[in-house]
Amino acid sequence: MNDITEPVNDPVRKILDQLGKAIVGKQQVIEKLLMCLLSEGHVLIEDYPGLGKTLIAKSFAKTLGLQFKRIQFTSDLLPADITGTFVFDRNESQFIFRKGPIFGNVILADEVNRAPPRTQSALLEAMQERQVTVEDVTYQLPRPFMVIATQNPIEYEGTYPLPEAQVDRFLAKISVGYPVAEEEFNIAKERNLRKADDVELEVVADASTILEMKAEVENVHVDDALINYMVEIVRKTRVHKDVEIGASPRGTLALLKLSKASAWLHGRDYVLPDDVKQIAVEALSHRIILKPEQMLRGGKSAAVINSIISELPVPKV
């Protein structure tokens, strides 16, 4: 049996080795981003400034040979600034569609909560439908397509927090976290030796390779007992004593997709209970709303998910 913590798929190893040159000590974060990409899902990163969120997204796209676009969300950003708009071409004497930055493979929506709801909706519609409609004309977005949105958890002045129904559209919510002392030392030492901010990365995949990998993920086997295990985890969030509103069936599907991607990353064509456990917090924590008294006490959604997993019997497969 393969170690759940160490990917053995050769393409995955090449990707992780390359990204390790630019991103020190965050292999699990990169793995979860890759799981979301192979599951055709989007990621919400809520963490403090300076932890490498932009670097991770940019390096991730470059190593995979995917087109990277960055959108800085501000209070005056309009939906057309994301989707694109029609402009008049004097040479052709007609209006032509000029594509917005949403037309890419990996889209970094930086500080997504700084834009008003109307602009957020334009992004979320593109995420859900994977298409853009302007003036009754529909344009398909390229594949693969993935949005990595970021939020700052400490600055709320001048922001428009994403409604819970919109947050639920993200397949996973992850945190980068501070590096340990040894990792931070290596970050500084390597920058000193490199004598430049940018890290040279090799392209080890392309869009067609990613789509092939996705097709292999879809063929990963999931036993009915494990599907029932996922259903029970989600159903427990709806009756937990600390939870006001539990996860929807979209949470069950998130567990299913991410666990299949996890199994494939680790060289298996079948899912284990550990695959479900290791991504449960990322798949479900943003889909539940704690009771007000729990929020006042500093309760965390992740703690609820972990308590449910610790109490549920693990199926034998």
C-alpha atoms as a PDB file:
ATOM      1  CA  MET A   1       0.000   0.000   0.000  1.00  0.00           C
ATOM      2  CA  ASN A   2       1.313   3.437  -0.939  1.00  0.00           C
ATOM      3  CA  ASP A   3       2.011   6.114   1.651  1.00  0.00           C
ATOM      4  CA  ILE A   4      -0.846   8.613   1.609  1.00  0.00           C
ATOM      5  CA  THR A   5       1.548  11.502   2.240  1.00  0.00           C
ATOM      6  CA  GLU A   6       4.007  10.853  -0.584  1.00  0.00           C
ATOM      7  CA  PRO A   7       2.852  11.126  -4.214  1.00  0.00           C
ATOM      8  CA  VAL A   8       4.375   8.464  -6.449  1.00  0.00           C
ATOM      9  CA  ASN A   9       2.864   9.320  -9.827  1.00  0.00           C
ATOM     10  CA  ASP A  10       5.761  10.277 -12.084  1.00  0.00           C
ATOM     11  CA  PRO A  11       4.100  13.377 -13.634  1.00  0.00           C
ATOM     12  CA  VAL A  12       3.156  14.577 -10.165  1.00  0.00           C
ATOM     13  CA  ARG A  13       6.680  14.095  -8.871  1.00  0.00           C
ATOM     14  CA  LYS A  14       8.088  16.182 -11.739  1.00  0.00           C
ATOM     15  CA  ILE A  15       5.591  18.952 -11.008  1.00  0.00           C
ATOM     16  CA  LEU A  16       6.339  18.964  -7.285  1.00  0.00           C
ATOM     17  CA  ASP A  17      10.096  18.917  -7.860  1.00  0.00           C
ATOM     18  CA  GLN A  18       9.886  21.965 -10.113  1.00  0.00           C
ATOM     19  CA  LEU A  19       7.555  23.908  -7.832  1.00  0.00           C
ATOM     20  CA  GLY A  20       9.770  23.064  -4.864  1.00  0.00           C
ATOM     21  CA  LYS A  21      12.423  25.338  -6.388  1.00  0.00           C
ATOM     22  CA  ALA A  22      10.193  28.388  -5.956  1.00  0.00           C
ATOM     23  CA  ILE A  23       7.899  27.361  -3.093  1.00  0.00           C
ATOM     24  CA  VAL A  24       9.690  26.049  -0.026  1.00  0.00           C
ATOM     25  CA  GLY A  25       7.958  23.665   2.384  1.00  0.00           C
ATOM     26  CA  LYS A  26       4.436  23.903   0.945  1.00  0.00           C
ATOM     27  CA  GLN A  27       4.131  20.558  -0.851  1.00  0.00           C
ATOM     28  CA  GLN A  28       0.739  19.778   0.694  1.00  0.00           C
ATOM     29  CA  VAL A  29      -0.640  23.140  -0.474  1.00  0.00           C
ATOM     30  CA  ILE A  30       0.597  22.454  -4.011  1.00  0.00           C
ATOM     31  CA  GLU A  31      -0.853  18.939  -3.918  1.00  0.00           C
ATOM     32  CA  LYS A  32      -4.272  20.286  -2.934  1.00  0.00           C
ATOM     33  CA  LEU A  33      -4.159  22.889  -5.700  1.00  0.00           C
ATOM     34  CA  LEU A  34      -3.347  20.104  -8.157  1.00  0.00           C
ATOM     35  CA  MET A  35      -6.214  17.991  -6.784  1.00  0.00           C
ATOM     36  CA  CYS A  36      -8.607  20.881  -7.391  1.00  0.00           C
ATOM     37  CA  LEU A  37      -7.299  21.448 -10.923  1.00  0.00           C
ATOM     38  CA  LEU A  38      -7.723  17.758 -11.772  1.00  0.00           C
ATOM     39  CA  SER A  39     -11.235  17.886 -10.281  1.00  0.00           C
ATOM     40  CA  GLU A  40     -12.145  20.955 -12.375  1.00  0.00           C
ATOM     41  CA  GLY A  41     -12.711  22.957  -9.227  1.00  0.00           C
ATOM     42  CA  HIS A  42     -11.732  26.362  -7.861  1.00  0.00           C
ATOM     43  CA  VAL A  43      -9.847  27.294  -4.704  1.00  0.00           C
ATOM     44  CA  LEU A  44     -10.317  29.997  -2.089  1.00  0.00           C
ATOM     45  CA  ILE A  45      -7.182  30.888  -0.127  1.00  0.00           C
ATOM     46  CA  GLU A  46      -7.751  32.903   3.040  1.00  0.00           C
ATOM     47  CA  ASP A  47      -4.478  33.827   4.660  1.00  0.00           C
ATOM     48  CA  TYR A  48      -2.260  36.692   5.769  1.00  0.00           C
ATOM     49  CA  PRO A  49      -0.269  38.889   3.352  1.00  0.00           C
ATOM     50  CA  GLY A  50       3.253  37.900   2.368  1.00  0.00           C
ATOM     51  CA  LEU A  51       2.825  34.123   2.552  1.00  0.00           C
ATOM     52  CA  GLY A  52       3.364  33.513  -1.161  1.00  0.00           C
ATOM     53  CA  LYS A  53      -0.193  33.157  -2.454  1.00  0.00           C
ATOM     54  CA  THR A  54       0.558  35.001  -5.704  1.00  0.00           C
ATOM     55  CA  LEU A  55       3.901  33.221  -6.116  1.00  0.00           C
ATOM     56  CA  ILE A  56       2.245  29.834  -5.656  1.00  0.00           C
ATOM     57  CA  ALA A  57      -0.457  30.546  -8.253  1.00  0.00           C
ATOM     58  CA  LYS A  58       1.985  31.994 -10.803  1.00  0.00           C
ATOM     59  CA  SER A  59       4.561  29.231 -10.378  1.00  0.00           C
ATOM     60  CA  PHE A  60       1.820  26.592 -10.467  1.00  0.00           C
ATOM     61  CA  ALA A  61       0.590  27.817 -13.856  1.00  0.00           C
ATOM     62  CA  LYS A  62       4.074  28.240 -15.328  1.00  0.00           C
ATOM     63  CA  THR A  63       5.254  24.752 -14.380  1.00  0.00           C
ATOM     64  CA  LEU A  64       2.088  23.218 -15.845  1.00  0.00           C
ATOM     65  CA  GLY A  65       2.453  25.170 -19.088  1.00  0.00           C
ATOM     66  CA  LEU A  66      -0.857  26.962 -18.511  1.00  0.00           C
ATOM     67  CA  GLN A  67      -1.794  30.558 -19.250  1.00  0.00           C
ATOM     68  CA  PHE A  68      -1.788  32.635 -16.054  1.00  0.00           C
ATOM     69  CA  LYS A  69      -3.875  35.767 -15.544  1.00  0.00           C
ATOM     70  CA  ARG A  70      -4.007  37.948 -12.439  1.00  0.00           C
ATOM     71  CA  ILE A  71      -6.973  40.166 -11.582  1.00  0.00           C
ATOM     72  CA  GLN A  72      -6.502  42.648  -8.744  1.00  0.00           C
ATOM     73  CA  PHE A  73      -9.945  43.170  -7.268  1.00  0.00           C
ATOM     74  CA  THR A  74     -10.707  46.738  -6.204  1.00  0.00           C
ATOM     75  CA  SER A  75     -13.826  48.662  -5.240  1.00  0.00           C
ATOM     76  CA  ASP A  76     -14.105  50.255  -8.706  1.00  0.00           C
ATOM     77  CA  LEU A  77     -13.632  47.029 -10.696  1.00  0.00           C
ATOM     78  CA  LEU A  78     -16.484  46.440 -13.151  1.00  0.00           C
ATOM     79  CA  PRO A  79     -17.815  43.121 -14.503  1.00  0.00           C
ATOM     80  CA  ALA A  80     -16.573  44.075 -17.989  1.00  0.00           C
ATOM     81  CA  ASP A  81     -13.054  44.433 -16.555  1.00  0.00           C
ATOM     82  CA  ILE A  82     -13.199  40.694 -15.922  1.00  0.00           C
ATOM     83  CA  THR A  83     -15.228  39.293 -18.784  1.00  0.00           C
ATOM     84  CA  GLY A  84     -14.267  41.716 -21.541  1.00  0.00           C
ATOM     85  CA  THR A  85     -16.425  43.971 -23.690  1.00  0.00           C
ATOM     86  CA  PHE A  86     -17.165  45.070 -27.228  1.00  0.00           C
ATOM     87  CA  VAL A  87     -15.043  47.924 -28.611  1.00  0.00           C
ATOM     88  CA  PHE A  88     -15.365  49.750 -31.903  1.00  0.00           C
ATOM     89  CA  ASP A  89     -12.701  48.884 -34.489  1.00  0.00           C
ATOM     90  CA  ARG A  90     -12.297  51.854 -36.824  1.00  0.00           C
ATOM     91  CA  ASN A  91     -10.409  49.803 -39.415  1.00  0.00           C
ATOM     92  CA  GLU A  92     -13.217  47.254 -39.652  1.00  0.00           C
ATOM     93  CA  SER A  93     -15.985  49.771 -38.917  1.00  0.00           C
ATOM     94  CA  GLN A  94     -17.605  47.366 -36.514  1.00  0.00           C
ATOM     95  CA  PHE A  95     -17.649  46.347 -32.884  1.00  0.00           C
ATOM     96  CA  ILE A  96     -15.340  43.484 -31.913  1.00  0.00           C
ATOM     97  CA  PHE A  97     -15.146  41.585 -28.650  1.00  0.00           C
ATOM     98  CA  ARG A  98     -12.024  42.208 -26.615  1.00  0.00           C
ATOM     99  CA  LYS A  99     -11.547  39.348 -24.166  1.00  0.00           C
ATOM    100  CA  GLY A 100     -11.002  40.108 -20.504  1.00  0.00           C
ATOM    101  CA  PRO A 101      -8.464  38.490 -18.161  1.00  0.00           C
ATOM    102  CA  ILE A 102     -10.917  35.699 -17.283  1.00  0.00           C
ATOM    103  CA  PHE A 103      -9.843  34.043 -20.542  1.00  0.00           C
ATOM    104  CA  GLY A 104      -6.935  32.025 -19.210  1.00  0.00           C
ATOM    105  CA  ASN A 105      -6.216  28.661 -17.624  1.00  0.00           C
ATOM    106  CA  VAL A 106      -5.216  29.695 -14.097  1.00  0.00           C
ATOM    107  CA  ILE A 107      -6.848  32.917 -12.880  1.00  0.00           C
ATOM    108  CA  LEU A 108      -5.650  34.576  -9.698  1.00  0.00           C
ATOM    109  CA  ALA A 109      -8.517  36.667  -8.265  1.00  0.00           C
ATOM    110  CA  ASP A 110      -6.472  38.649  -5.766  1.00  0.00           C
ATOM    111  CA  GLU A 111      -8.386  40.022  -2.745  1.00  0.00           C
ATOM    112  CA  VAL A 112     -11.691  38.992  -4.286  1.00  0.00           C
ATOM    113  CA  ASN A 113     -13.658  40.489  -1.395  1.00  0.00           C
ATOM    114  CA  ARG A 114     -12.561  44.044  -2.287  1.00  0.00           C
ATOM    115  CA  ALA A 115     -14.865  44.192  -5.316  1.00  0.00           C
ATOM    116  CA  PRO A 116     -18.614  44.898  -5.040  1.00  0.00           C
ATOM    117  CA  PRO A 117     -21.108  42.003  -5.284  1.00  0.00           C
ATOM    118  CA  ARG A 118     -21.966  42.713  -8.925  1.00  0.00           C
ATOM    119  CA  THR A 119     -18.335  42.220  -9.963  1.00  0.00           C
ATOM    120  CA  GLN A 120     -17.937  39.161  -7.741  1.00  0.00           C
ATOM    121  CA  SER A 121     -20.992  37.658  -9.437  1.00  0.00           C
ATOM    122  CA  ALA A 122     -19.409  38.090 -12.881  1.00  0.00           C
ATOM    123  CA  LEU A 123     -16.423  36.047 -11.719  1.00  0.00           C
ATOM    124  CA  LEU A 124     -18.511  33.396  -9.986  1.00  0.00           C
ATOM    125  CA  GLU A 125     -20.773  32.985 -13.015  1.00  0.00           C
ATOM    126  CA  ALA A 126     -17.721  32.317 -15.174  1.00  0.00           C
ATOM    127  CA  MET A 127     -16.485  29.826 -12.572  1.00  0.00           C
ATOM    128  CA  GLN A 128     -19.756  27.934 -12.531  1.00  0.00           C
ATOM    129  CA  GLU A 129     -20.656  27.987 -16.224  1.00  0.00           C
ATOM    130  CA  ARG A 130     -17.111  28.075 -17.632  1.00  0.00           C
ATOM    131  CA  GLN A 131     -18.340  30.541 -20.190  1.00  0.00           C
ATOM    132  CA  VAL A 132     -18.912  34.269 -20.589  1.00  0.00           C
ATOM    133  CA  THR A 133     -21.984  35.853 -22.166  1.00  0.00           C
ATOM    134  CA  VAL A 134     -21.693  39.426 -23.428  1.00  0.00           C
ATOM    135  CA  GLU A 135     -24.402  41.096 -25.539  1.00  0.00           C
ATOM    136  CA  ASP A 136     -26.194  37.743 -25.988  1.00  0.00           C
ATOM    137  CA  VAL A 137     -23.034  36.148 -27.393  1.00  0.00           C
ATOM    138  CA  THR A 138     -21.540  33.227 -25.428  1.00  0.00           C
ATOM    139  CA  TYR A 139     -17.795  32.593 -25.343  1.00  0.00           C
ATOM    140  CA  GLN A 140     -16.390  29.350 -23.941  1.00  0.00           C
ATOM    141  CA  LEU A 141     -13.499  29.649 -21.502  1.00  0.00           C
ATOM    142  CA  PRO A 142     -10.339  27.617 -22.203  1.00  0.00           C
ATOM    143  CA  ARG A 143      -9.757  24.244 -20.580  1.00  0.00           C
ATOM    144  CA  PRO A 144      -8.433  23.487 -18.102  1.00  0.00           C
ATOM    145  CA  PHE A 145      -9.845  26.446 -16.201  1.00  0.00           C
ATOM    146  CA  MET A 146      -9.243  27.200 -12.545  1.00  0.00           C
ATOM    147  CA  VAL A 147      -9.771  30.254 -10.339  1.00  0.00           C
ATOM    148  CA  ILE A 148      -7.567  30.766  -7.293  1.00  0.00           C
ATOM    149  CA  ALA A 149      -9.209  33.499  -5.218  1.00  0.00           C
ATOM    150  CA  THR A 150      -7.568  35.097  -2.187  1.00  0.00           C
ATOM    151  CA  GLN A 151      -8.946  36.877   0.857  1.00  0.00           C
ATOM    152  CA  ASN A 152      -7.167  38.676   3.675  1.00  0.00           C
ATOM    153  CA  PRO A 153      -8.622  37.510   7.025  1.00  0.00           C
ATOM    154  CA  ILE A 154      -7.521  40.605   8.988  1.00  0.00           C
ATOM    155  CA  GLU A 155      -8.574  43.583   6.839  1.00  0.00           C
ATOM    156  CA  TYR A 156     -12.328  44.061   6.449  1.00  0.00           C
ATOM    157  CA  GLU A 157     -12.513  47.831   5.948  1.00  0.00           C
ATOM    158  CA  GLY A 158     -13.741  48.613   2.442  1.00  0.00           C
ATOM    159  CA  THR A 159     -14.473  44.960   1.628  1.00  0.00           C
ATOM    160  CA  TYR A 160     -17.552  43.087   0.469  1.00  0.00           C
ATOM    161  CA  PRO A 161     -17.410  39.638   2.105  1.00  0.00           C
ATOM    162  CA  LEU A 162     -18.458  36.810  -0.179  1.00  0.00           C
ATOM    163  CA  PRO A 163     -21.940  35.503   0.685  1.00  0.00           C
ATOM    164  CA  GLU A 164     -21.972  31.953   1.995  1.00  0.00           C
ATOM    165  CA  ALA A 165     -23.828  30.750  -1.107  1.00  0.00           C
ATOM    166  CA  GLN A 166     -20.974  32.063  -3.258  1.00  0.00           C
ATOM    167  CA  VAL A 167     -18.230  30.693  -1.032  1.00  0.00           C
ATOM    168  CA  ASP A 168     -19.906  27.295  -1.457  1.00  0.00           C
ATOM    169  CA  ARG A 169     -19.009  27.467  -5.173  1.00  0.00           C
ATOM    170  CA  PHE A 170     -15.345  26.899  -4.366  1.00  0.00           C
ATOM    171  CA  LEU A 171     -14.356  23.253  -4.390  1.00  0.00           C
ATOM    172  CA  ALA A 172     -11.890  23.789  -1.555  1.00  0.00           C
ATOM    173  CA  LYS A 173     -10.709  26.423   0.880  1.00  0.00           C
ATOM    174  CA  ILE A 174      -7.071  26.171   1.893  1.00  0.00           C
ATOM    175  CA  SER A 175      -4.549  28.013   4.019  1.00  0.00           C
ATOM    176  CA  VAL A 176      -0.872  28.494   3.201  1.00  0.00           C
ATOM    177  CA  GLY A 177       0.325  29.151   6.743  1.00  0.00           C
ATOM    178  CA  TYR A 178       3.619  30.487   8.055  1.00  0.00           C
ATOM    179  CA  PRO A 179       6.779  28.495   7.293  1.00  0.00           C
ATOM    180  CA  VAL A 180       8.678  26.818  10.110  1.00  0.00           C
ATOM    181  CA  ALA A 181      12.049  28.307  11.098  1.00  0.00           C
ATOM    182  CA  GLU A 182      14.089  25.953   8.898  1.00  0.00           C
ATOM    183  CA  GLU A 183      11.912  26.645   5.856  1.00  0.00           C
ATOM    184  CA  GLU A 184      12.119  30.400   6.375  1.00  0.00           C
ATOM    185  CA  PHE A 185      15.905  30.132   6.642  1.00  0.00           C
ATOM    186  CA  ASN A 186      16.006  28.210   3.356  1.00  0.00           C
ATOM    187  CA  ILE A 187      13.789  30.825   1.670  1.00  0.00           C
ATOM    188  CA  ALA A 188      16.205  33.604   2.652  1.00  0.00           C
ATOM    189  CA  LYS A 189      19.348  31.565   1.899  1.00  0.00           C
ATOM    190  CA  GLU A 190      18.202  30.512  -1.573  1.00  0.00           C
ATOM    191  CA  ARG A 191      17.196  34.098  -2.425  1.00  0.00           C
ATOM    192  CA  ASN A 192      20.643  35.274  -1.330  1.00  0.00           C
ATOM    193  CA  LEU A 193      22.405  32.683  -3.501  1.00  0.00           C
ATOM    194  CA  ARG A 194      20.109  33.277  -6.470  1.00  0.00           C
ATOM    195  CA  LYS A 195      20.691  37.063  -6.417  1.00  0.00           C
ATOM    196  CA  ALA A 196      17.291  37.611  -8.034  1.00  0.00           C
ATOM    197  CA  ASP A 197      13.662  37.489  -6.952  1.00  0.00           C
ATOM    198  CA  ASP A 198      12.450  35.308  -9.818  1.00  0.00           C
ATOM    199  CA  VAL A 199      13.097  31.565  -9.901  1.00  0.00           C
ATOM    200  CA  GLU A 200      13.699  29.824 -13.226  1.00  0.00           C
ATOM    201  CA  LEU A 201      11.158  27.026 -13.591  1.00  0.00           C
ATOM    202  CA  GLU A 202      10.897  24.390 -16.300  1.00  0.00           C
ATOM    203  CA  VAL A 203       7.603  23.605 -18.004  1.00  0.00           C
ATOM    204  CA  VAL A 204       6.871  19.935 -17.321  1.00  0.00           C
ATOM    205  CA  ALA A 205       3.293  19.660 -18.633  1.00  0.00           C
ATOM    206  CA  ASP A 206       0.741  21.381 -20.867  1.00  0.00           C
ATOM    207  CA  ALA A 207      -3.028  21.761 -21.167  1.00  0.00           C
ATOM    208  CA  SER A 208      -3.498  18.478 -23.038  1.00  0.00           C
ATOM    209  CA  THR A 209      -1.433  16.625 -20.410  1.00  0.00           C
ATOM    210  CA  ILE A 210      -3.601  18.063 -17.631  1.00  0.00           C
ATOM    211  CA  LEU A 211      -6.789  16.993 -19.433  1.00  0.00           C
ATOM    212  CA  GLU A 212      -5.380  13.478 -19.835  1.00  0.00           C
ATOM    213  CA  MET A 213      -4.557  13.382 -16.126  1.00  0.00           C
ATOM    214  CA  LYS A 214      -8.086  14.545 -15.330  1.00  0.00           C
ATOM    215  CA  ALA A 215      -9.541  11.719 -17.414  1.00  0.00           C
ATOM    216  CA  GLU A 216      -7.449   9.218 -15.435  1.00  0.00           C
ATOM    217  CA  VAL A 217      -8.719  10.725 -12.162  1.00  0.00           C
ATOM    218  CA  GLU A 218     -12.308  10.196 -13.293  1.00  0.00           C
ATOM    219  CA  ASN A 219     -11.594   6.472 -13.701  1.00  0.00           C
ATOM    220  CA  VAL A 220     -10.430   6.041 -10.095  1.00  0.00           C
ATOM    221  CA  HIS A 221     -12.654   3.498  -8.310  1.00  0.00           C
ATOM    222  CA  VAL A 222     -14.674   4.493  -5.238  1.00  0.00           C
ATOM    223  CA  ASP A 223     -16.298   1.718  -3.195  1.00  0.00           C
ATOM    224  CA  ASP A 224     -19.938   2.211  -2.199  1.00  0.00           C
ATOM    225  CA  ALA A 225     -18.930   1.939   1.456  1.00  0.00           C
ATOM    226  CA  LEU A 226     -16.666   4.949   1.005  1.00  0.00           C
ATOM    227  CA  ILE A 227     -19.366   6.927  -0.763  1.00  0.00           C
ATOM    228  CA  ASN A 228     -21.639   6.210   2.199  1.00  0.00           C
ATOM    229  CA  TYR A 229     -18.807   7.340   4.508  1.00  0.00           C
ATOM    230  CA  MET A 230     -18.655  10.685   2.664  1.00  0.00           C
ATOM    231  CA  VAL A 231     -22.432  11.063   2.863  1.00  0.00           C
ATOM    232  CA  GLU A 232     -22.390  10.409   6.612  1.00  0.00           C
ATOM    233  CA  ILE A 233     -19.655  12.998   7.193  1.00  0.00           C
ATOM    234  CA  VAL A 234     -21.683  15.637   5.369  1.00  0.00           C
ATOM    235  CA  ARG A 235     -24.969  14.665   7.046  1.00  0.00           C
ATOM    236  CA  LYS A 236     -23.313  14.918  10.475  1.00  0.00           C
ATOM    237  CA  THR A 237     -22.480  18.573   9.765  1.00  0.00           C
ATOM    238  CA  ARG A 238     -26.228  19.268   9.525  1.00  0.00           C
ATOM    239  CA  VAL A 239     -27.017  17.944  13.005  1.00  0.00           C
ATOM    240  CA  HIS A 240     -23.842  18.914  14.873  1.00  0.00           C
ATOM    241  CA  LYS A 241     -24.540  20.806  18.087  1.00  0.00           C
ATOM    242  CA  ASP A 242     -22.221  23.694  17.119  1.00  0.00           C
ATOM    243  CA  VAL A 243     -23.497  24.132  13.558  1.00  0.00           C
ATOM    244  CA  GLU A 244     -26.282  26.453  12.423  1.00  0.00           C
ATOM    245  CA  ILE A 245     -26.276  25.384   8.760  1.00  0.00           C
ATOM    246  CA  GLY A 246     -24.541  22.231   7.543  1.00  0.00           C
ATOM    247  CA  ALA A 247     -22.975  21.349   4.212  1.00  0.00           C
ATOM    248  CA  SER A 248     -25.112  20.751   1.126  1.00  0.00           C
ATOM    249  CA  PRO A 249     -24.844  17.791  -1.291  1.00  0.00           C
ATOM    250  CA  ARG A 250     -22.264  19.902  -3.111  1.00  0.00           C
ATOM    251  CA  GLY A 251     -20.012  19.127  -0.151  1.00  0.00           C
ATOM    252  CA  THR A 252     -20.473  15.388  -0.723  1.00  0.00           C
ATOM    253  CA  LEU A 253     -19.504  15.805  -4.367  1.00  0.00           C
ATOM    254  CA  ALA A 254     -16.453  17.842  -3.333  1.00  0.00           C
ATOM    255  CA  LEU A 255     -15.331  14.991  -1.053  1.00  0.00           C
ATOM    256  CA  LEU A 256     -15.852  12.516  -3.873  1.00  0.00           C
ATOM    257  CA  LYS A 257     -13.901  14.482  -6.481  1.00  0.00           C
ATOM    258  CA  LEU A 258     -11.018  15.461  -4.237  1.00  0.00           C
ATOM    259  CA  SER A 259     -10.609  11.968  -2.759  1.00  0.00           C
ATOM    260  CA  LYS A 260     -10.364  10.504  -6.282  1.00  0.00           C
ATOM    261  CA  ALA A 261      -7.739  13.097  -7.186  1.00  0.00           C
ATOM    262  CA  SER A 262      -5.860  12.330  -3.975  1.00  0.00           C
ATOM    263  CA  ALA A 263      -5.810   8.609  -4.754  1.00  0.00           C
ATOM    264  CA  TRP A 264      -4.509   9.248  -8.273  1.00  0.00           C
ATOM    265  CA  LEU A 265      -1.786  11.594  -7.022  1.00  0.00           C
ATOM    266  CA  HIS A 266      -0.579   8.820  -4.760  1.00  0.00           C
ATOM    267  CA  GLY A 267      -0.390   6.246  -7.525  1.00  0.00           C
ATOM    268  CA  ARG A 268      -3.625   4.351  -6.884  1.00  0.00           C
ATOM    269  CA  ASP A 269      -6.690   3.654  -9.007  1.00  0.00           C
ATOM    270  CA  TYR A 270      -8.884   3.246  -5.916  1.00  0.00           C
ATOM    271  CA  VAL A 271      -9.807   5.519  -2.998  1.00  0.00           C
ATOM    272  CA  LEU A 272      -8.891   4.805   0.628  1.00  0.00           C
ATOM    273  CA  PRO A 273     -10.535   6.280   3.749  1.00  0.00           C
ATOM    274  CA  ASP A 274      -7.359   8.290   4.323  1.00  0.00           C
ATOM    275  CA  ASP A 275      -7.916  10.084   1.016  1.00  0.00           C
ATOM    276  CA  VAL A 276     -11.268  11.280   2.332  1.00  0.00           C
ATOM    277  CA  LYS A 277      -9.856  12.261   5.726  1.00  0.00           C
ATOM    278  CA  GLN A 278      -6.959  14.290   4.405  1.00  0.00           C
ATOM    279  CA  ILE A 279      -9.106  16.622   2.284  1.00  0.00           C
ATOM    280  CA  ALA A 280     -12.296  16.755   4.402  1.00  0.00           C
ATOM    281  CA  VAL A 281     -11.458  20.059   6.121  1.00  0.00           C
ATOM    282  CA  GLU A 282     -10.561  21.787   2.848  1.00  0.00           C
ATOM    283  CA  ALA A 283     -13.678  20.419   1.132  1.00  0.00           C
ATOM    284  CA  LEU A 284     -16.206  21.178   3.892  1.00  0.00           C
ATOM    285  CA  SER A 285     -15.054  23.831   6.385  1.00  0.00           C
ATOM    286  CA  HIS A 286     -16.215  26.755   4.213  1.00  0.00           C
ATOM    287  CA  ARG A 287     -19.604  25.116   3.616  1.00  0.00           C
ATOM    288  CA  ILE A 288     -20.860  25.188   7.196  1.00  0.00           C
ATOM    289  CA  ILE A 289     -22.001  28.102   9.351  1.00  0.00           C
ATOM    290  CA  LEU A 290     -21.381  27.872  13.082  1.00  0.00           C
ATOM    291  CA  LYS A 291     -23.954  28.957  15.646  1.00  0.00           C
ATOM    292  CA  PRO A 292     -23.464  32.580  16.797  1.00  0.00           C
ATOM    293  CA  GLU A 293     -22.423  31.551  20.309  1.00  0.00           C
ATOM    294  CA  GLN A 294     -19.717  29.320  18.856  1.00  0.00           C
ATOM    295  CA  MET A 295     -18.410  32.139  16.705  1.00  0.00           C
ATOM    296  CA  LEU A 296     -18.233  34.418  19.748  1.00  0.00           C
ATOM    297  CA  ARG A 297     -16.218  31.764  21.553  1.00  0.00           C
ATOM    298  CA  GLY A 298     -13.778  31.575  18.663  1.00  0.00           C
ATOM    299  CA  GLY A 299     -15.014  28.235  17.356  1.00  0.00           C
ATOM    300  CA  LYS A 300     -13.582  26.962  14.085  1.00  0.00           C
ATOM    301  CA  SER A 301     -15.308  25.053  11.304  1.00  0.00           C
ATOM    302  CA  ALA A 302     -12.217  22.880  10.870  1.00  0.00           C
ATOM    303  CA  ALA A 303     -12.531  21.669  14.463  1.00  0.00           C
ATOM    304  CA  VAL A 304     -16.116  20.588  13.780  1.00  0.00           C
ATOM    305  CA  ILE A 305     -15.090  18.597  10.695  1.00  0.00           C
ATOM    306  CA  ASN A 306     -12.224  16.943  12.567  1.00  0.00           C
ATOM    307  CA  SER A 307     -14.500  16.000  15.468  1.00  0.00           C
ATOM    308  CA  ILE A 308     -16.998  14.394  13.077  1.00  0.00           C
ATOM    309  CA  ILE A 309     -14.244  12.370  11.386  1.00  0.00           C
ATOM    310  CA  SER A 310     -12.846  11.215  14.732  1.00  0.00           C
ATOM    311  CA  GLU A 311     -16.270   9.950  15.849  1.00  0.00           C
ATOM    312  CA  LEU A 312     -17.417   8.193  12.682  1.00  0.00           C
ATOM    313  CA  PRO A 313     -16.384   4.546  12.206  1.00  0.00           C
ATOM    314  CA  VAL A 314     -14.041   4.094   9.254  1.00  0.00           C
ATOM    315  CA  PRO A 315     -15.359   1.667   6.615  1.00  0.00           C
ATOM    316  CA  LYS A 316     -13.344  -1.384   5.658  1.00  0.00           C
ATOM    317  CA  VAL A 317     -12.618  -1.455   1.938  1.00  0.00           C
END
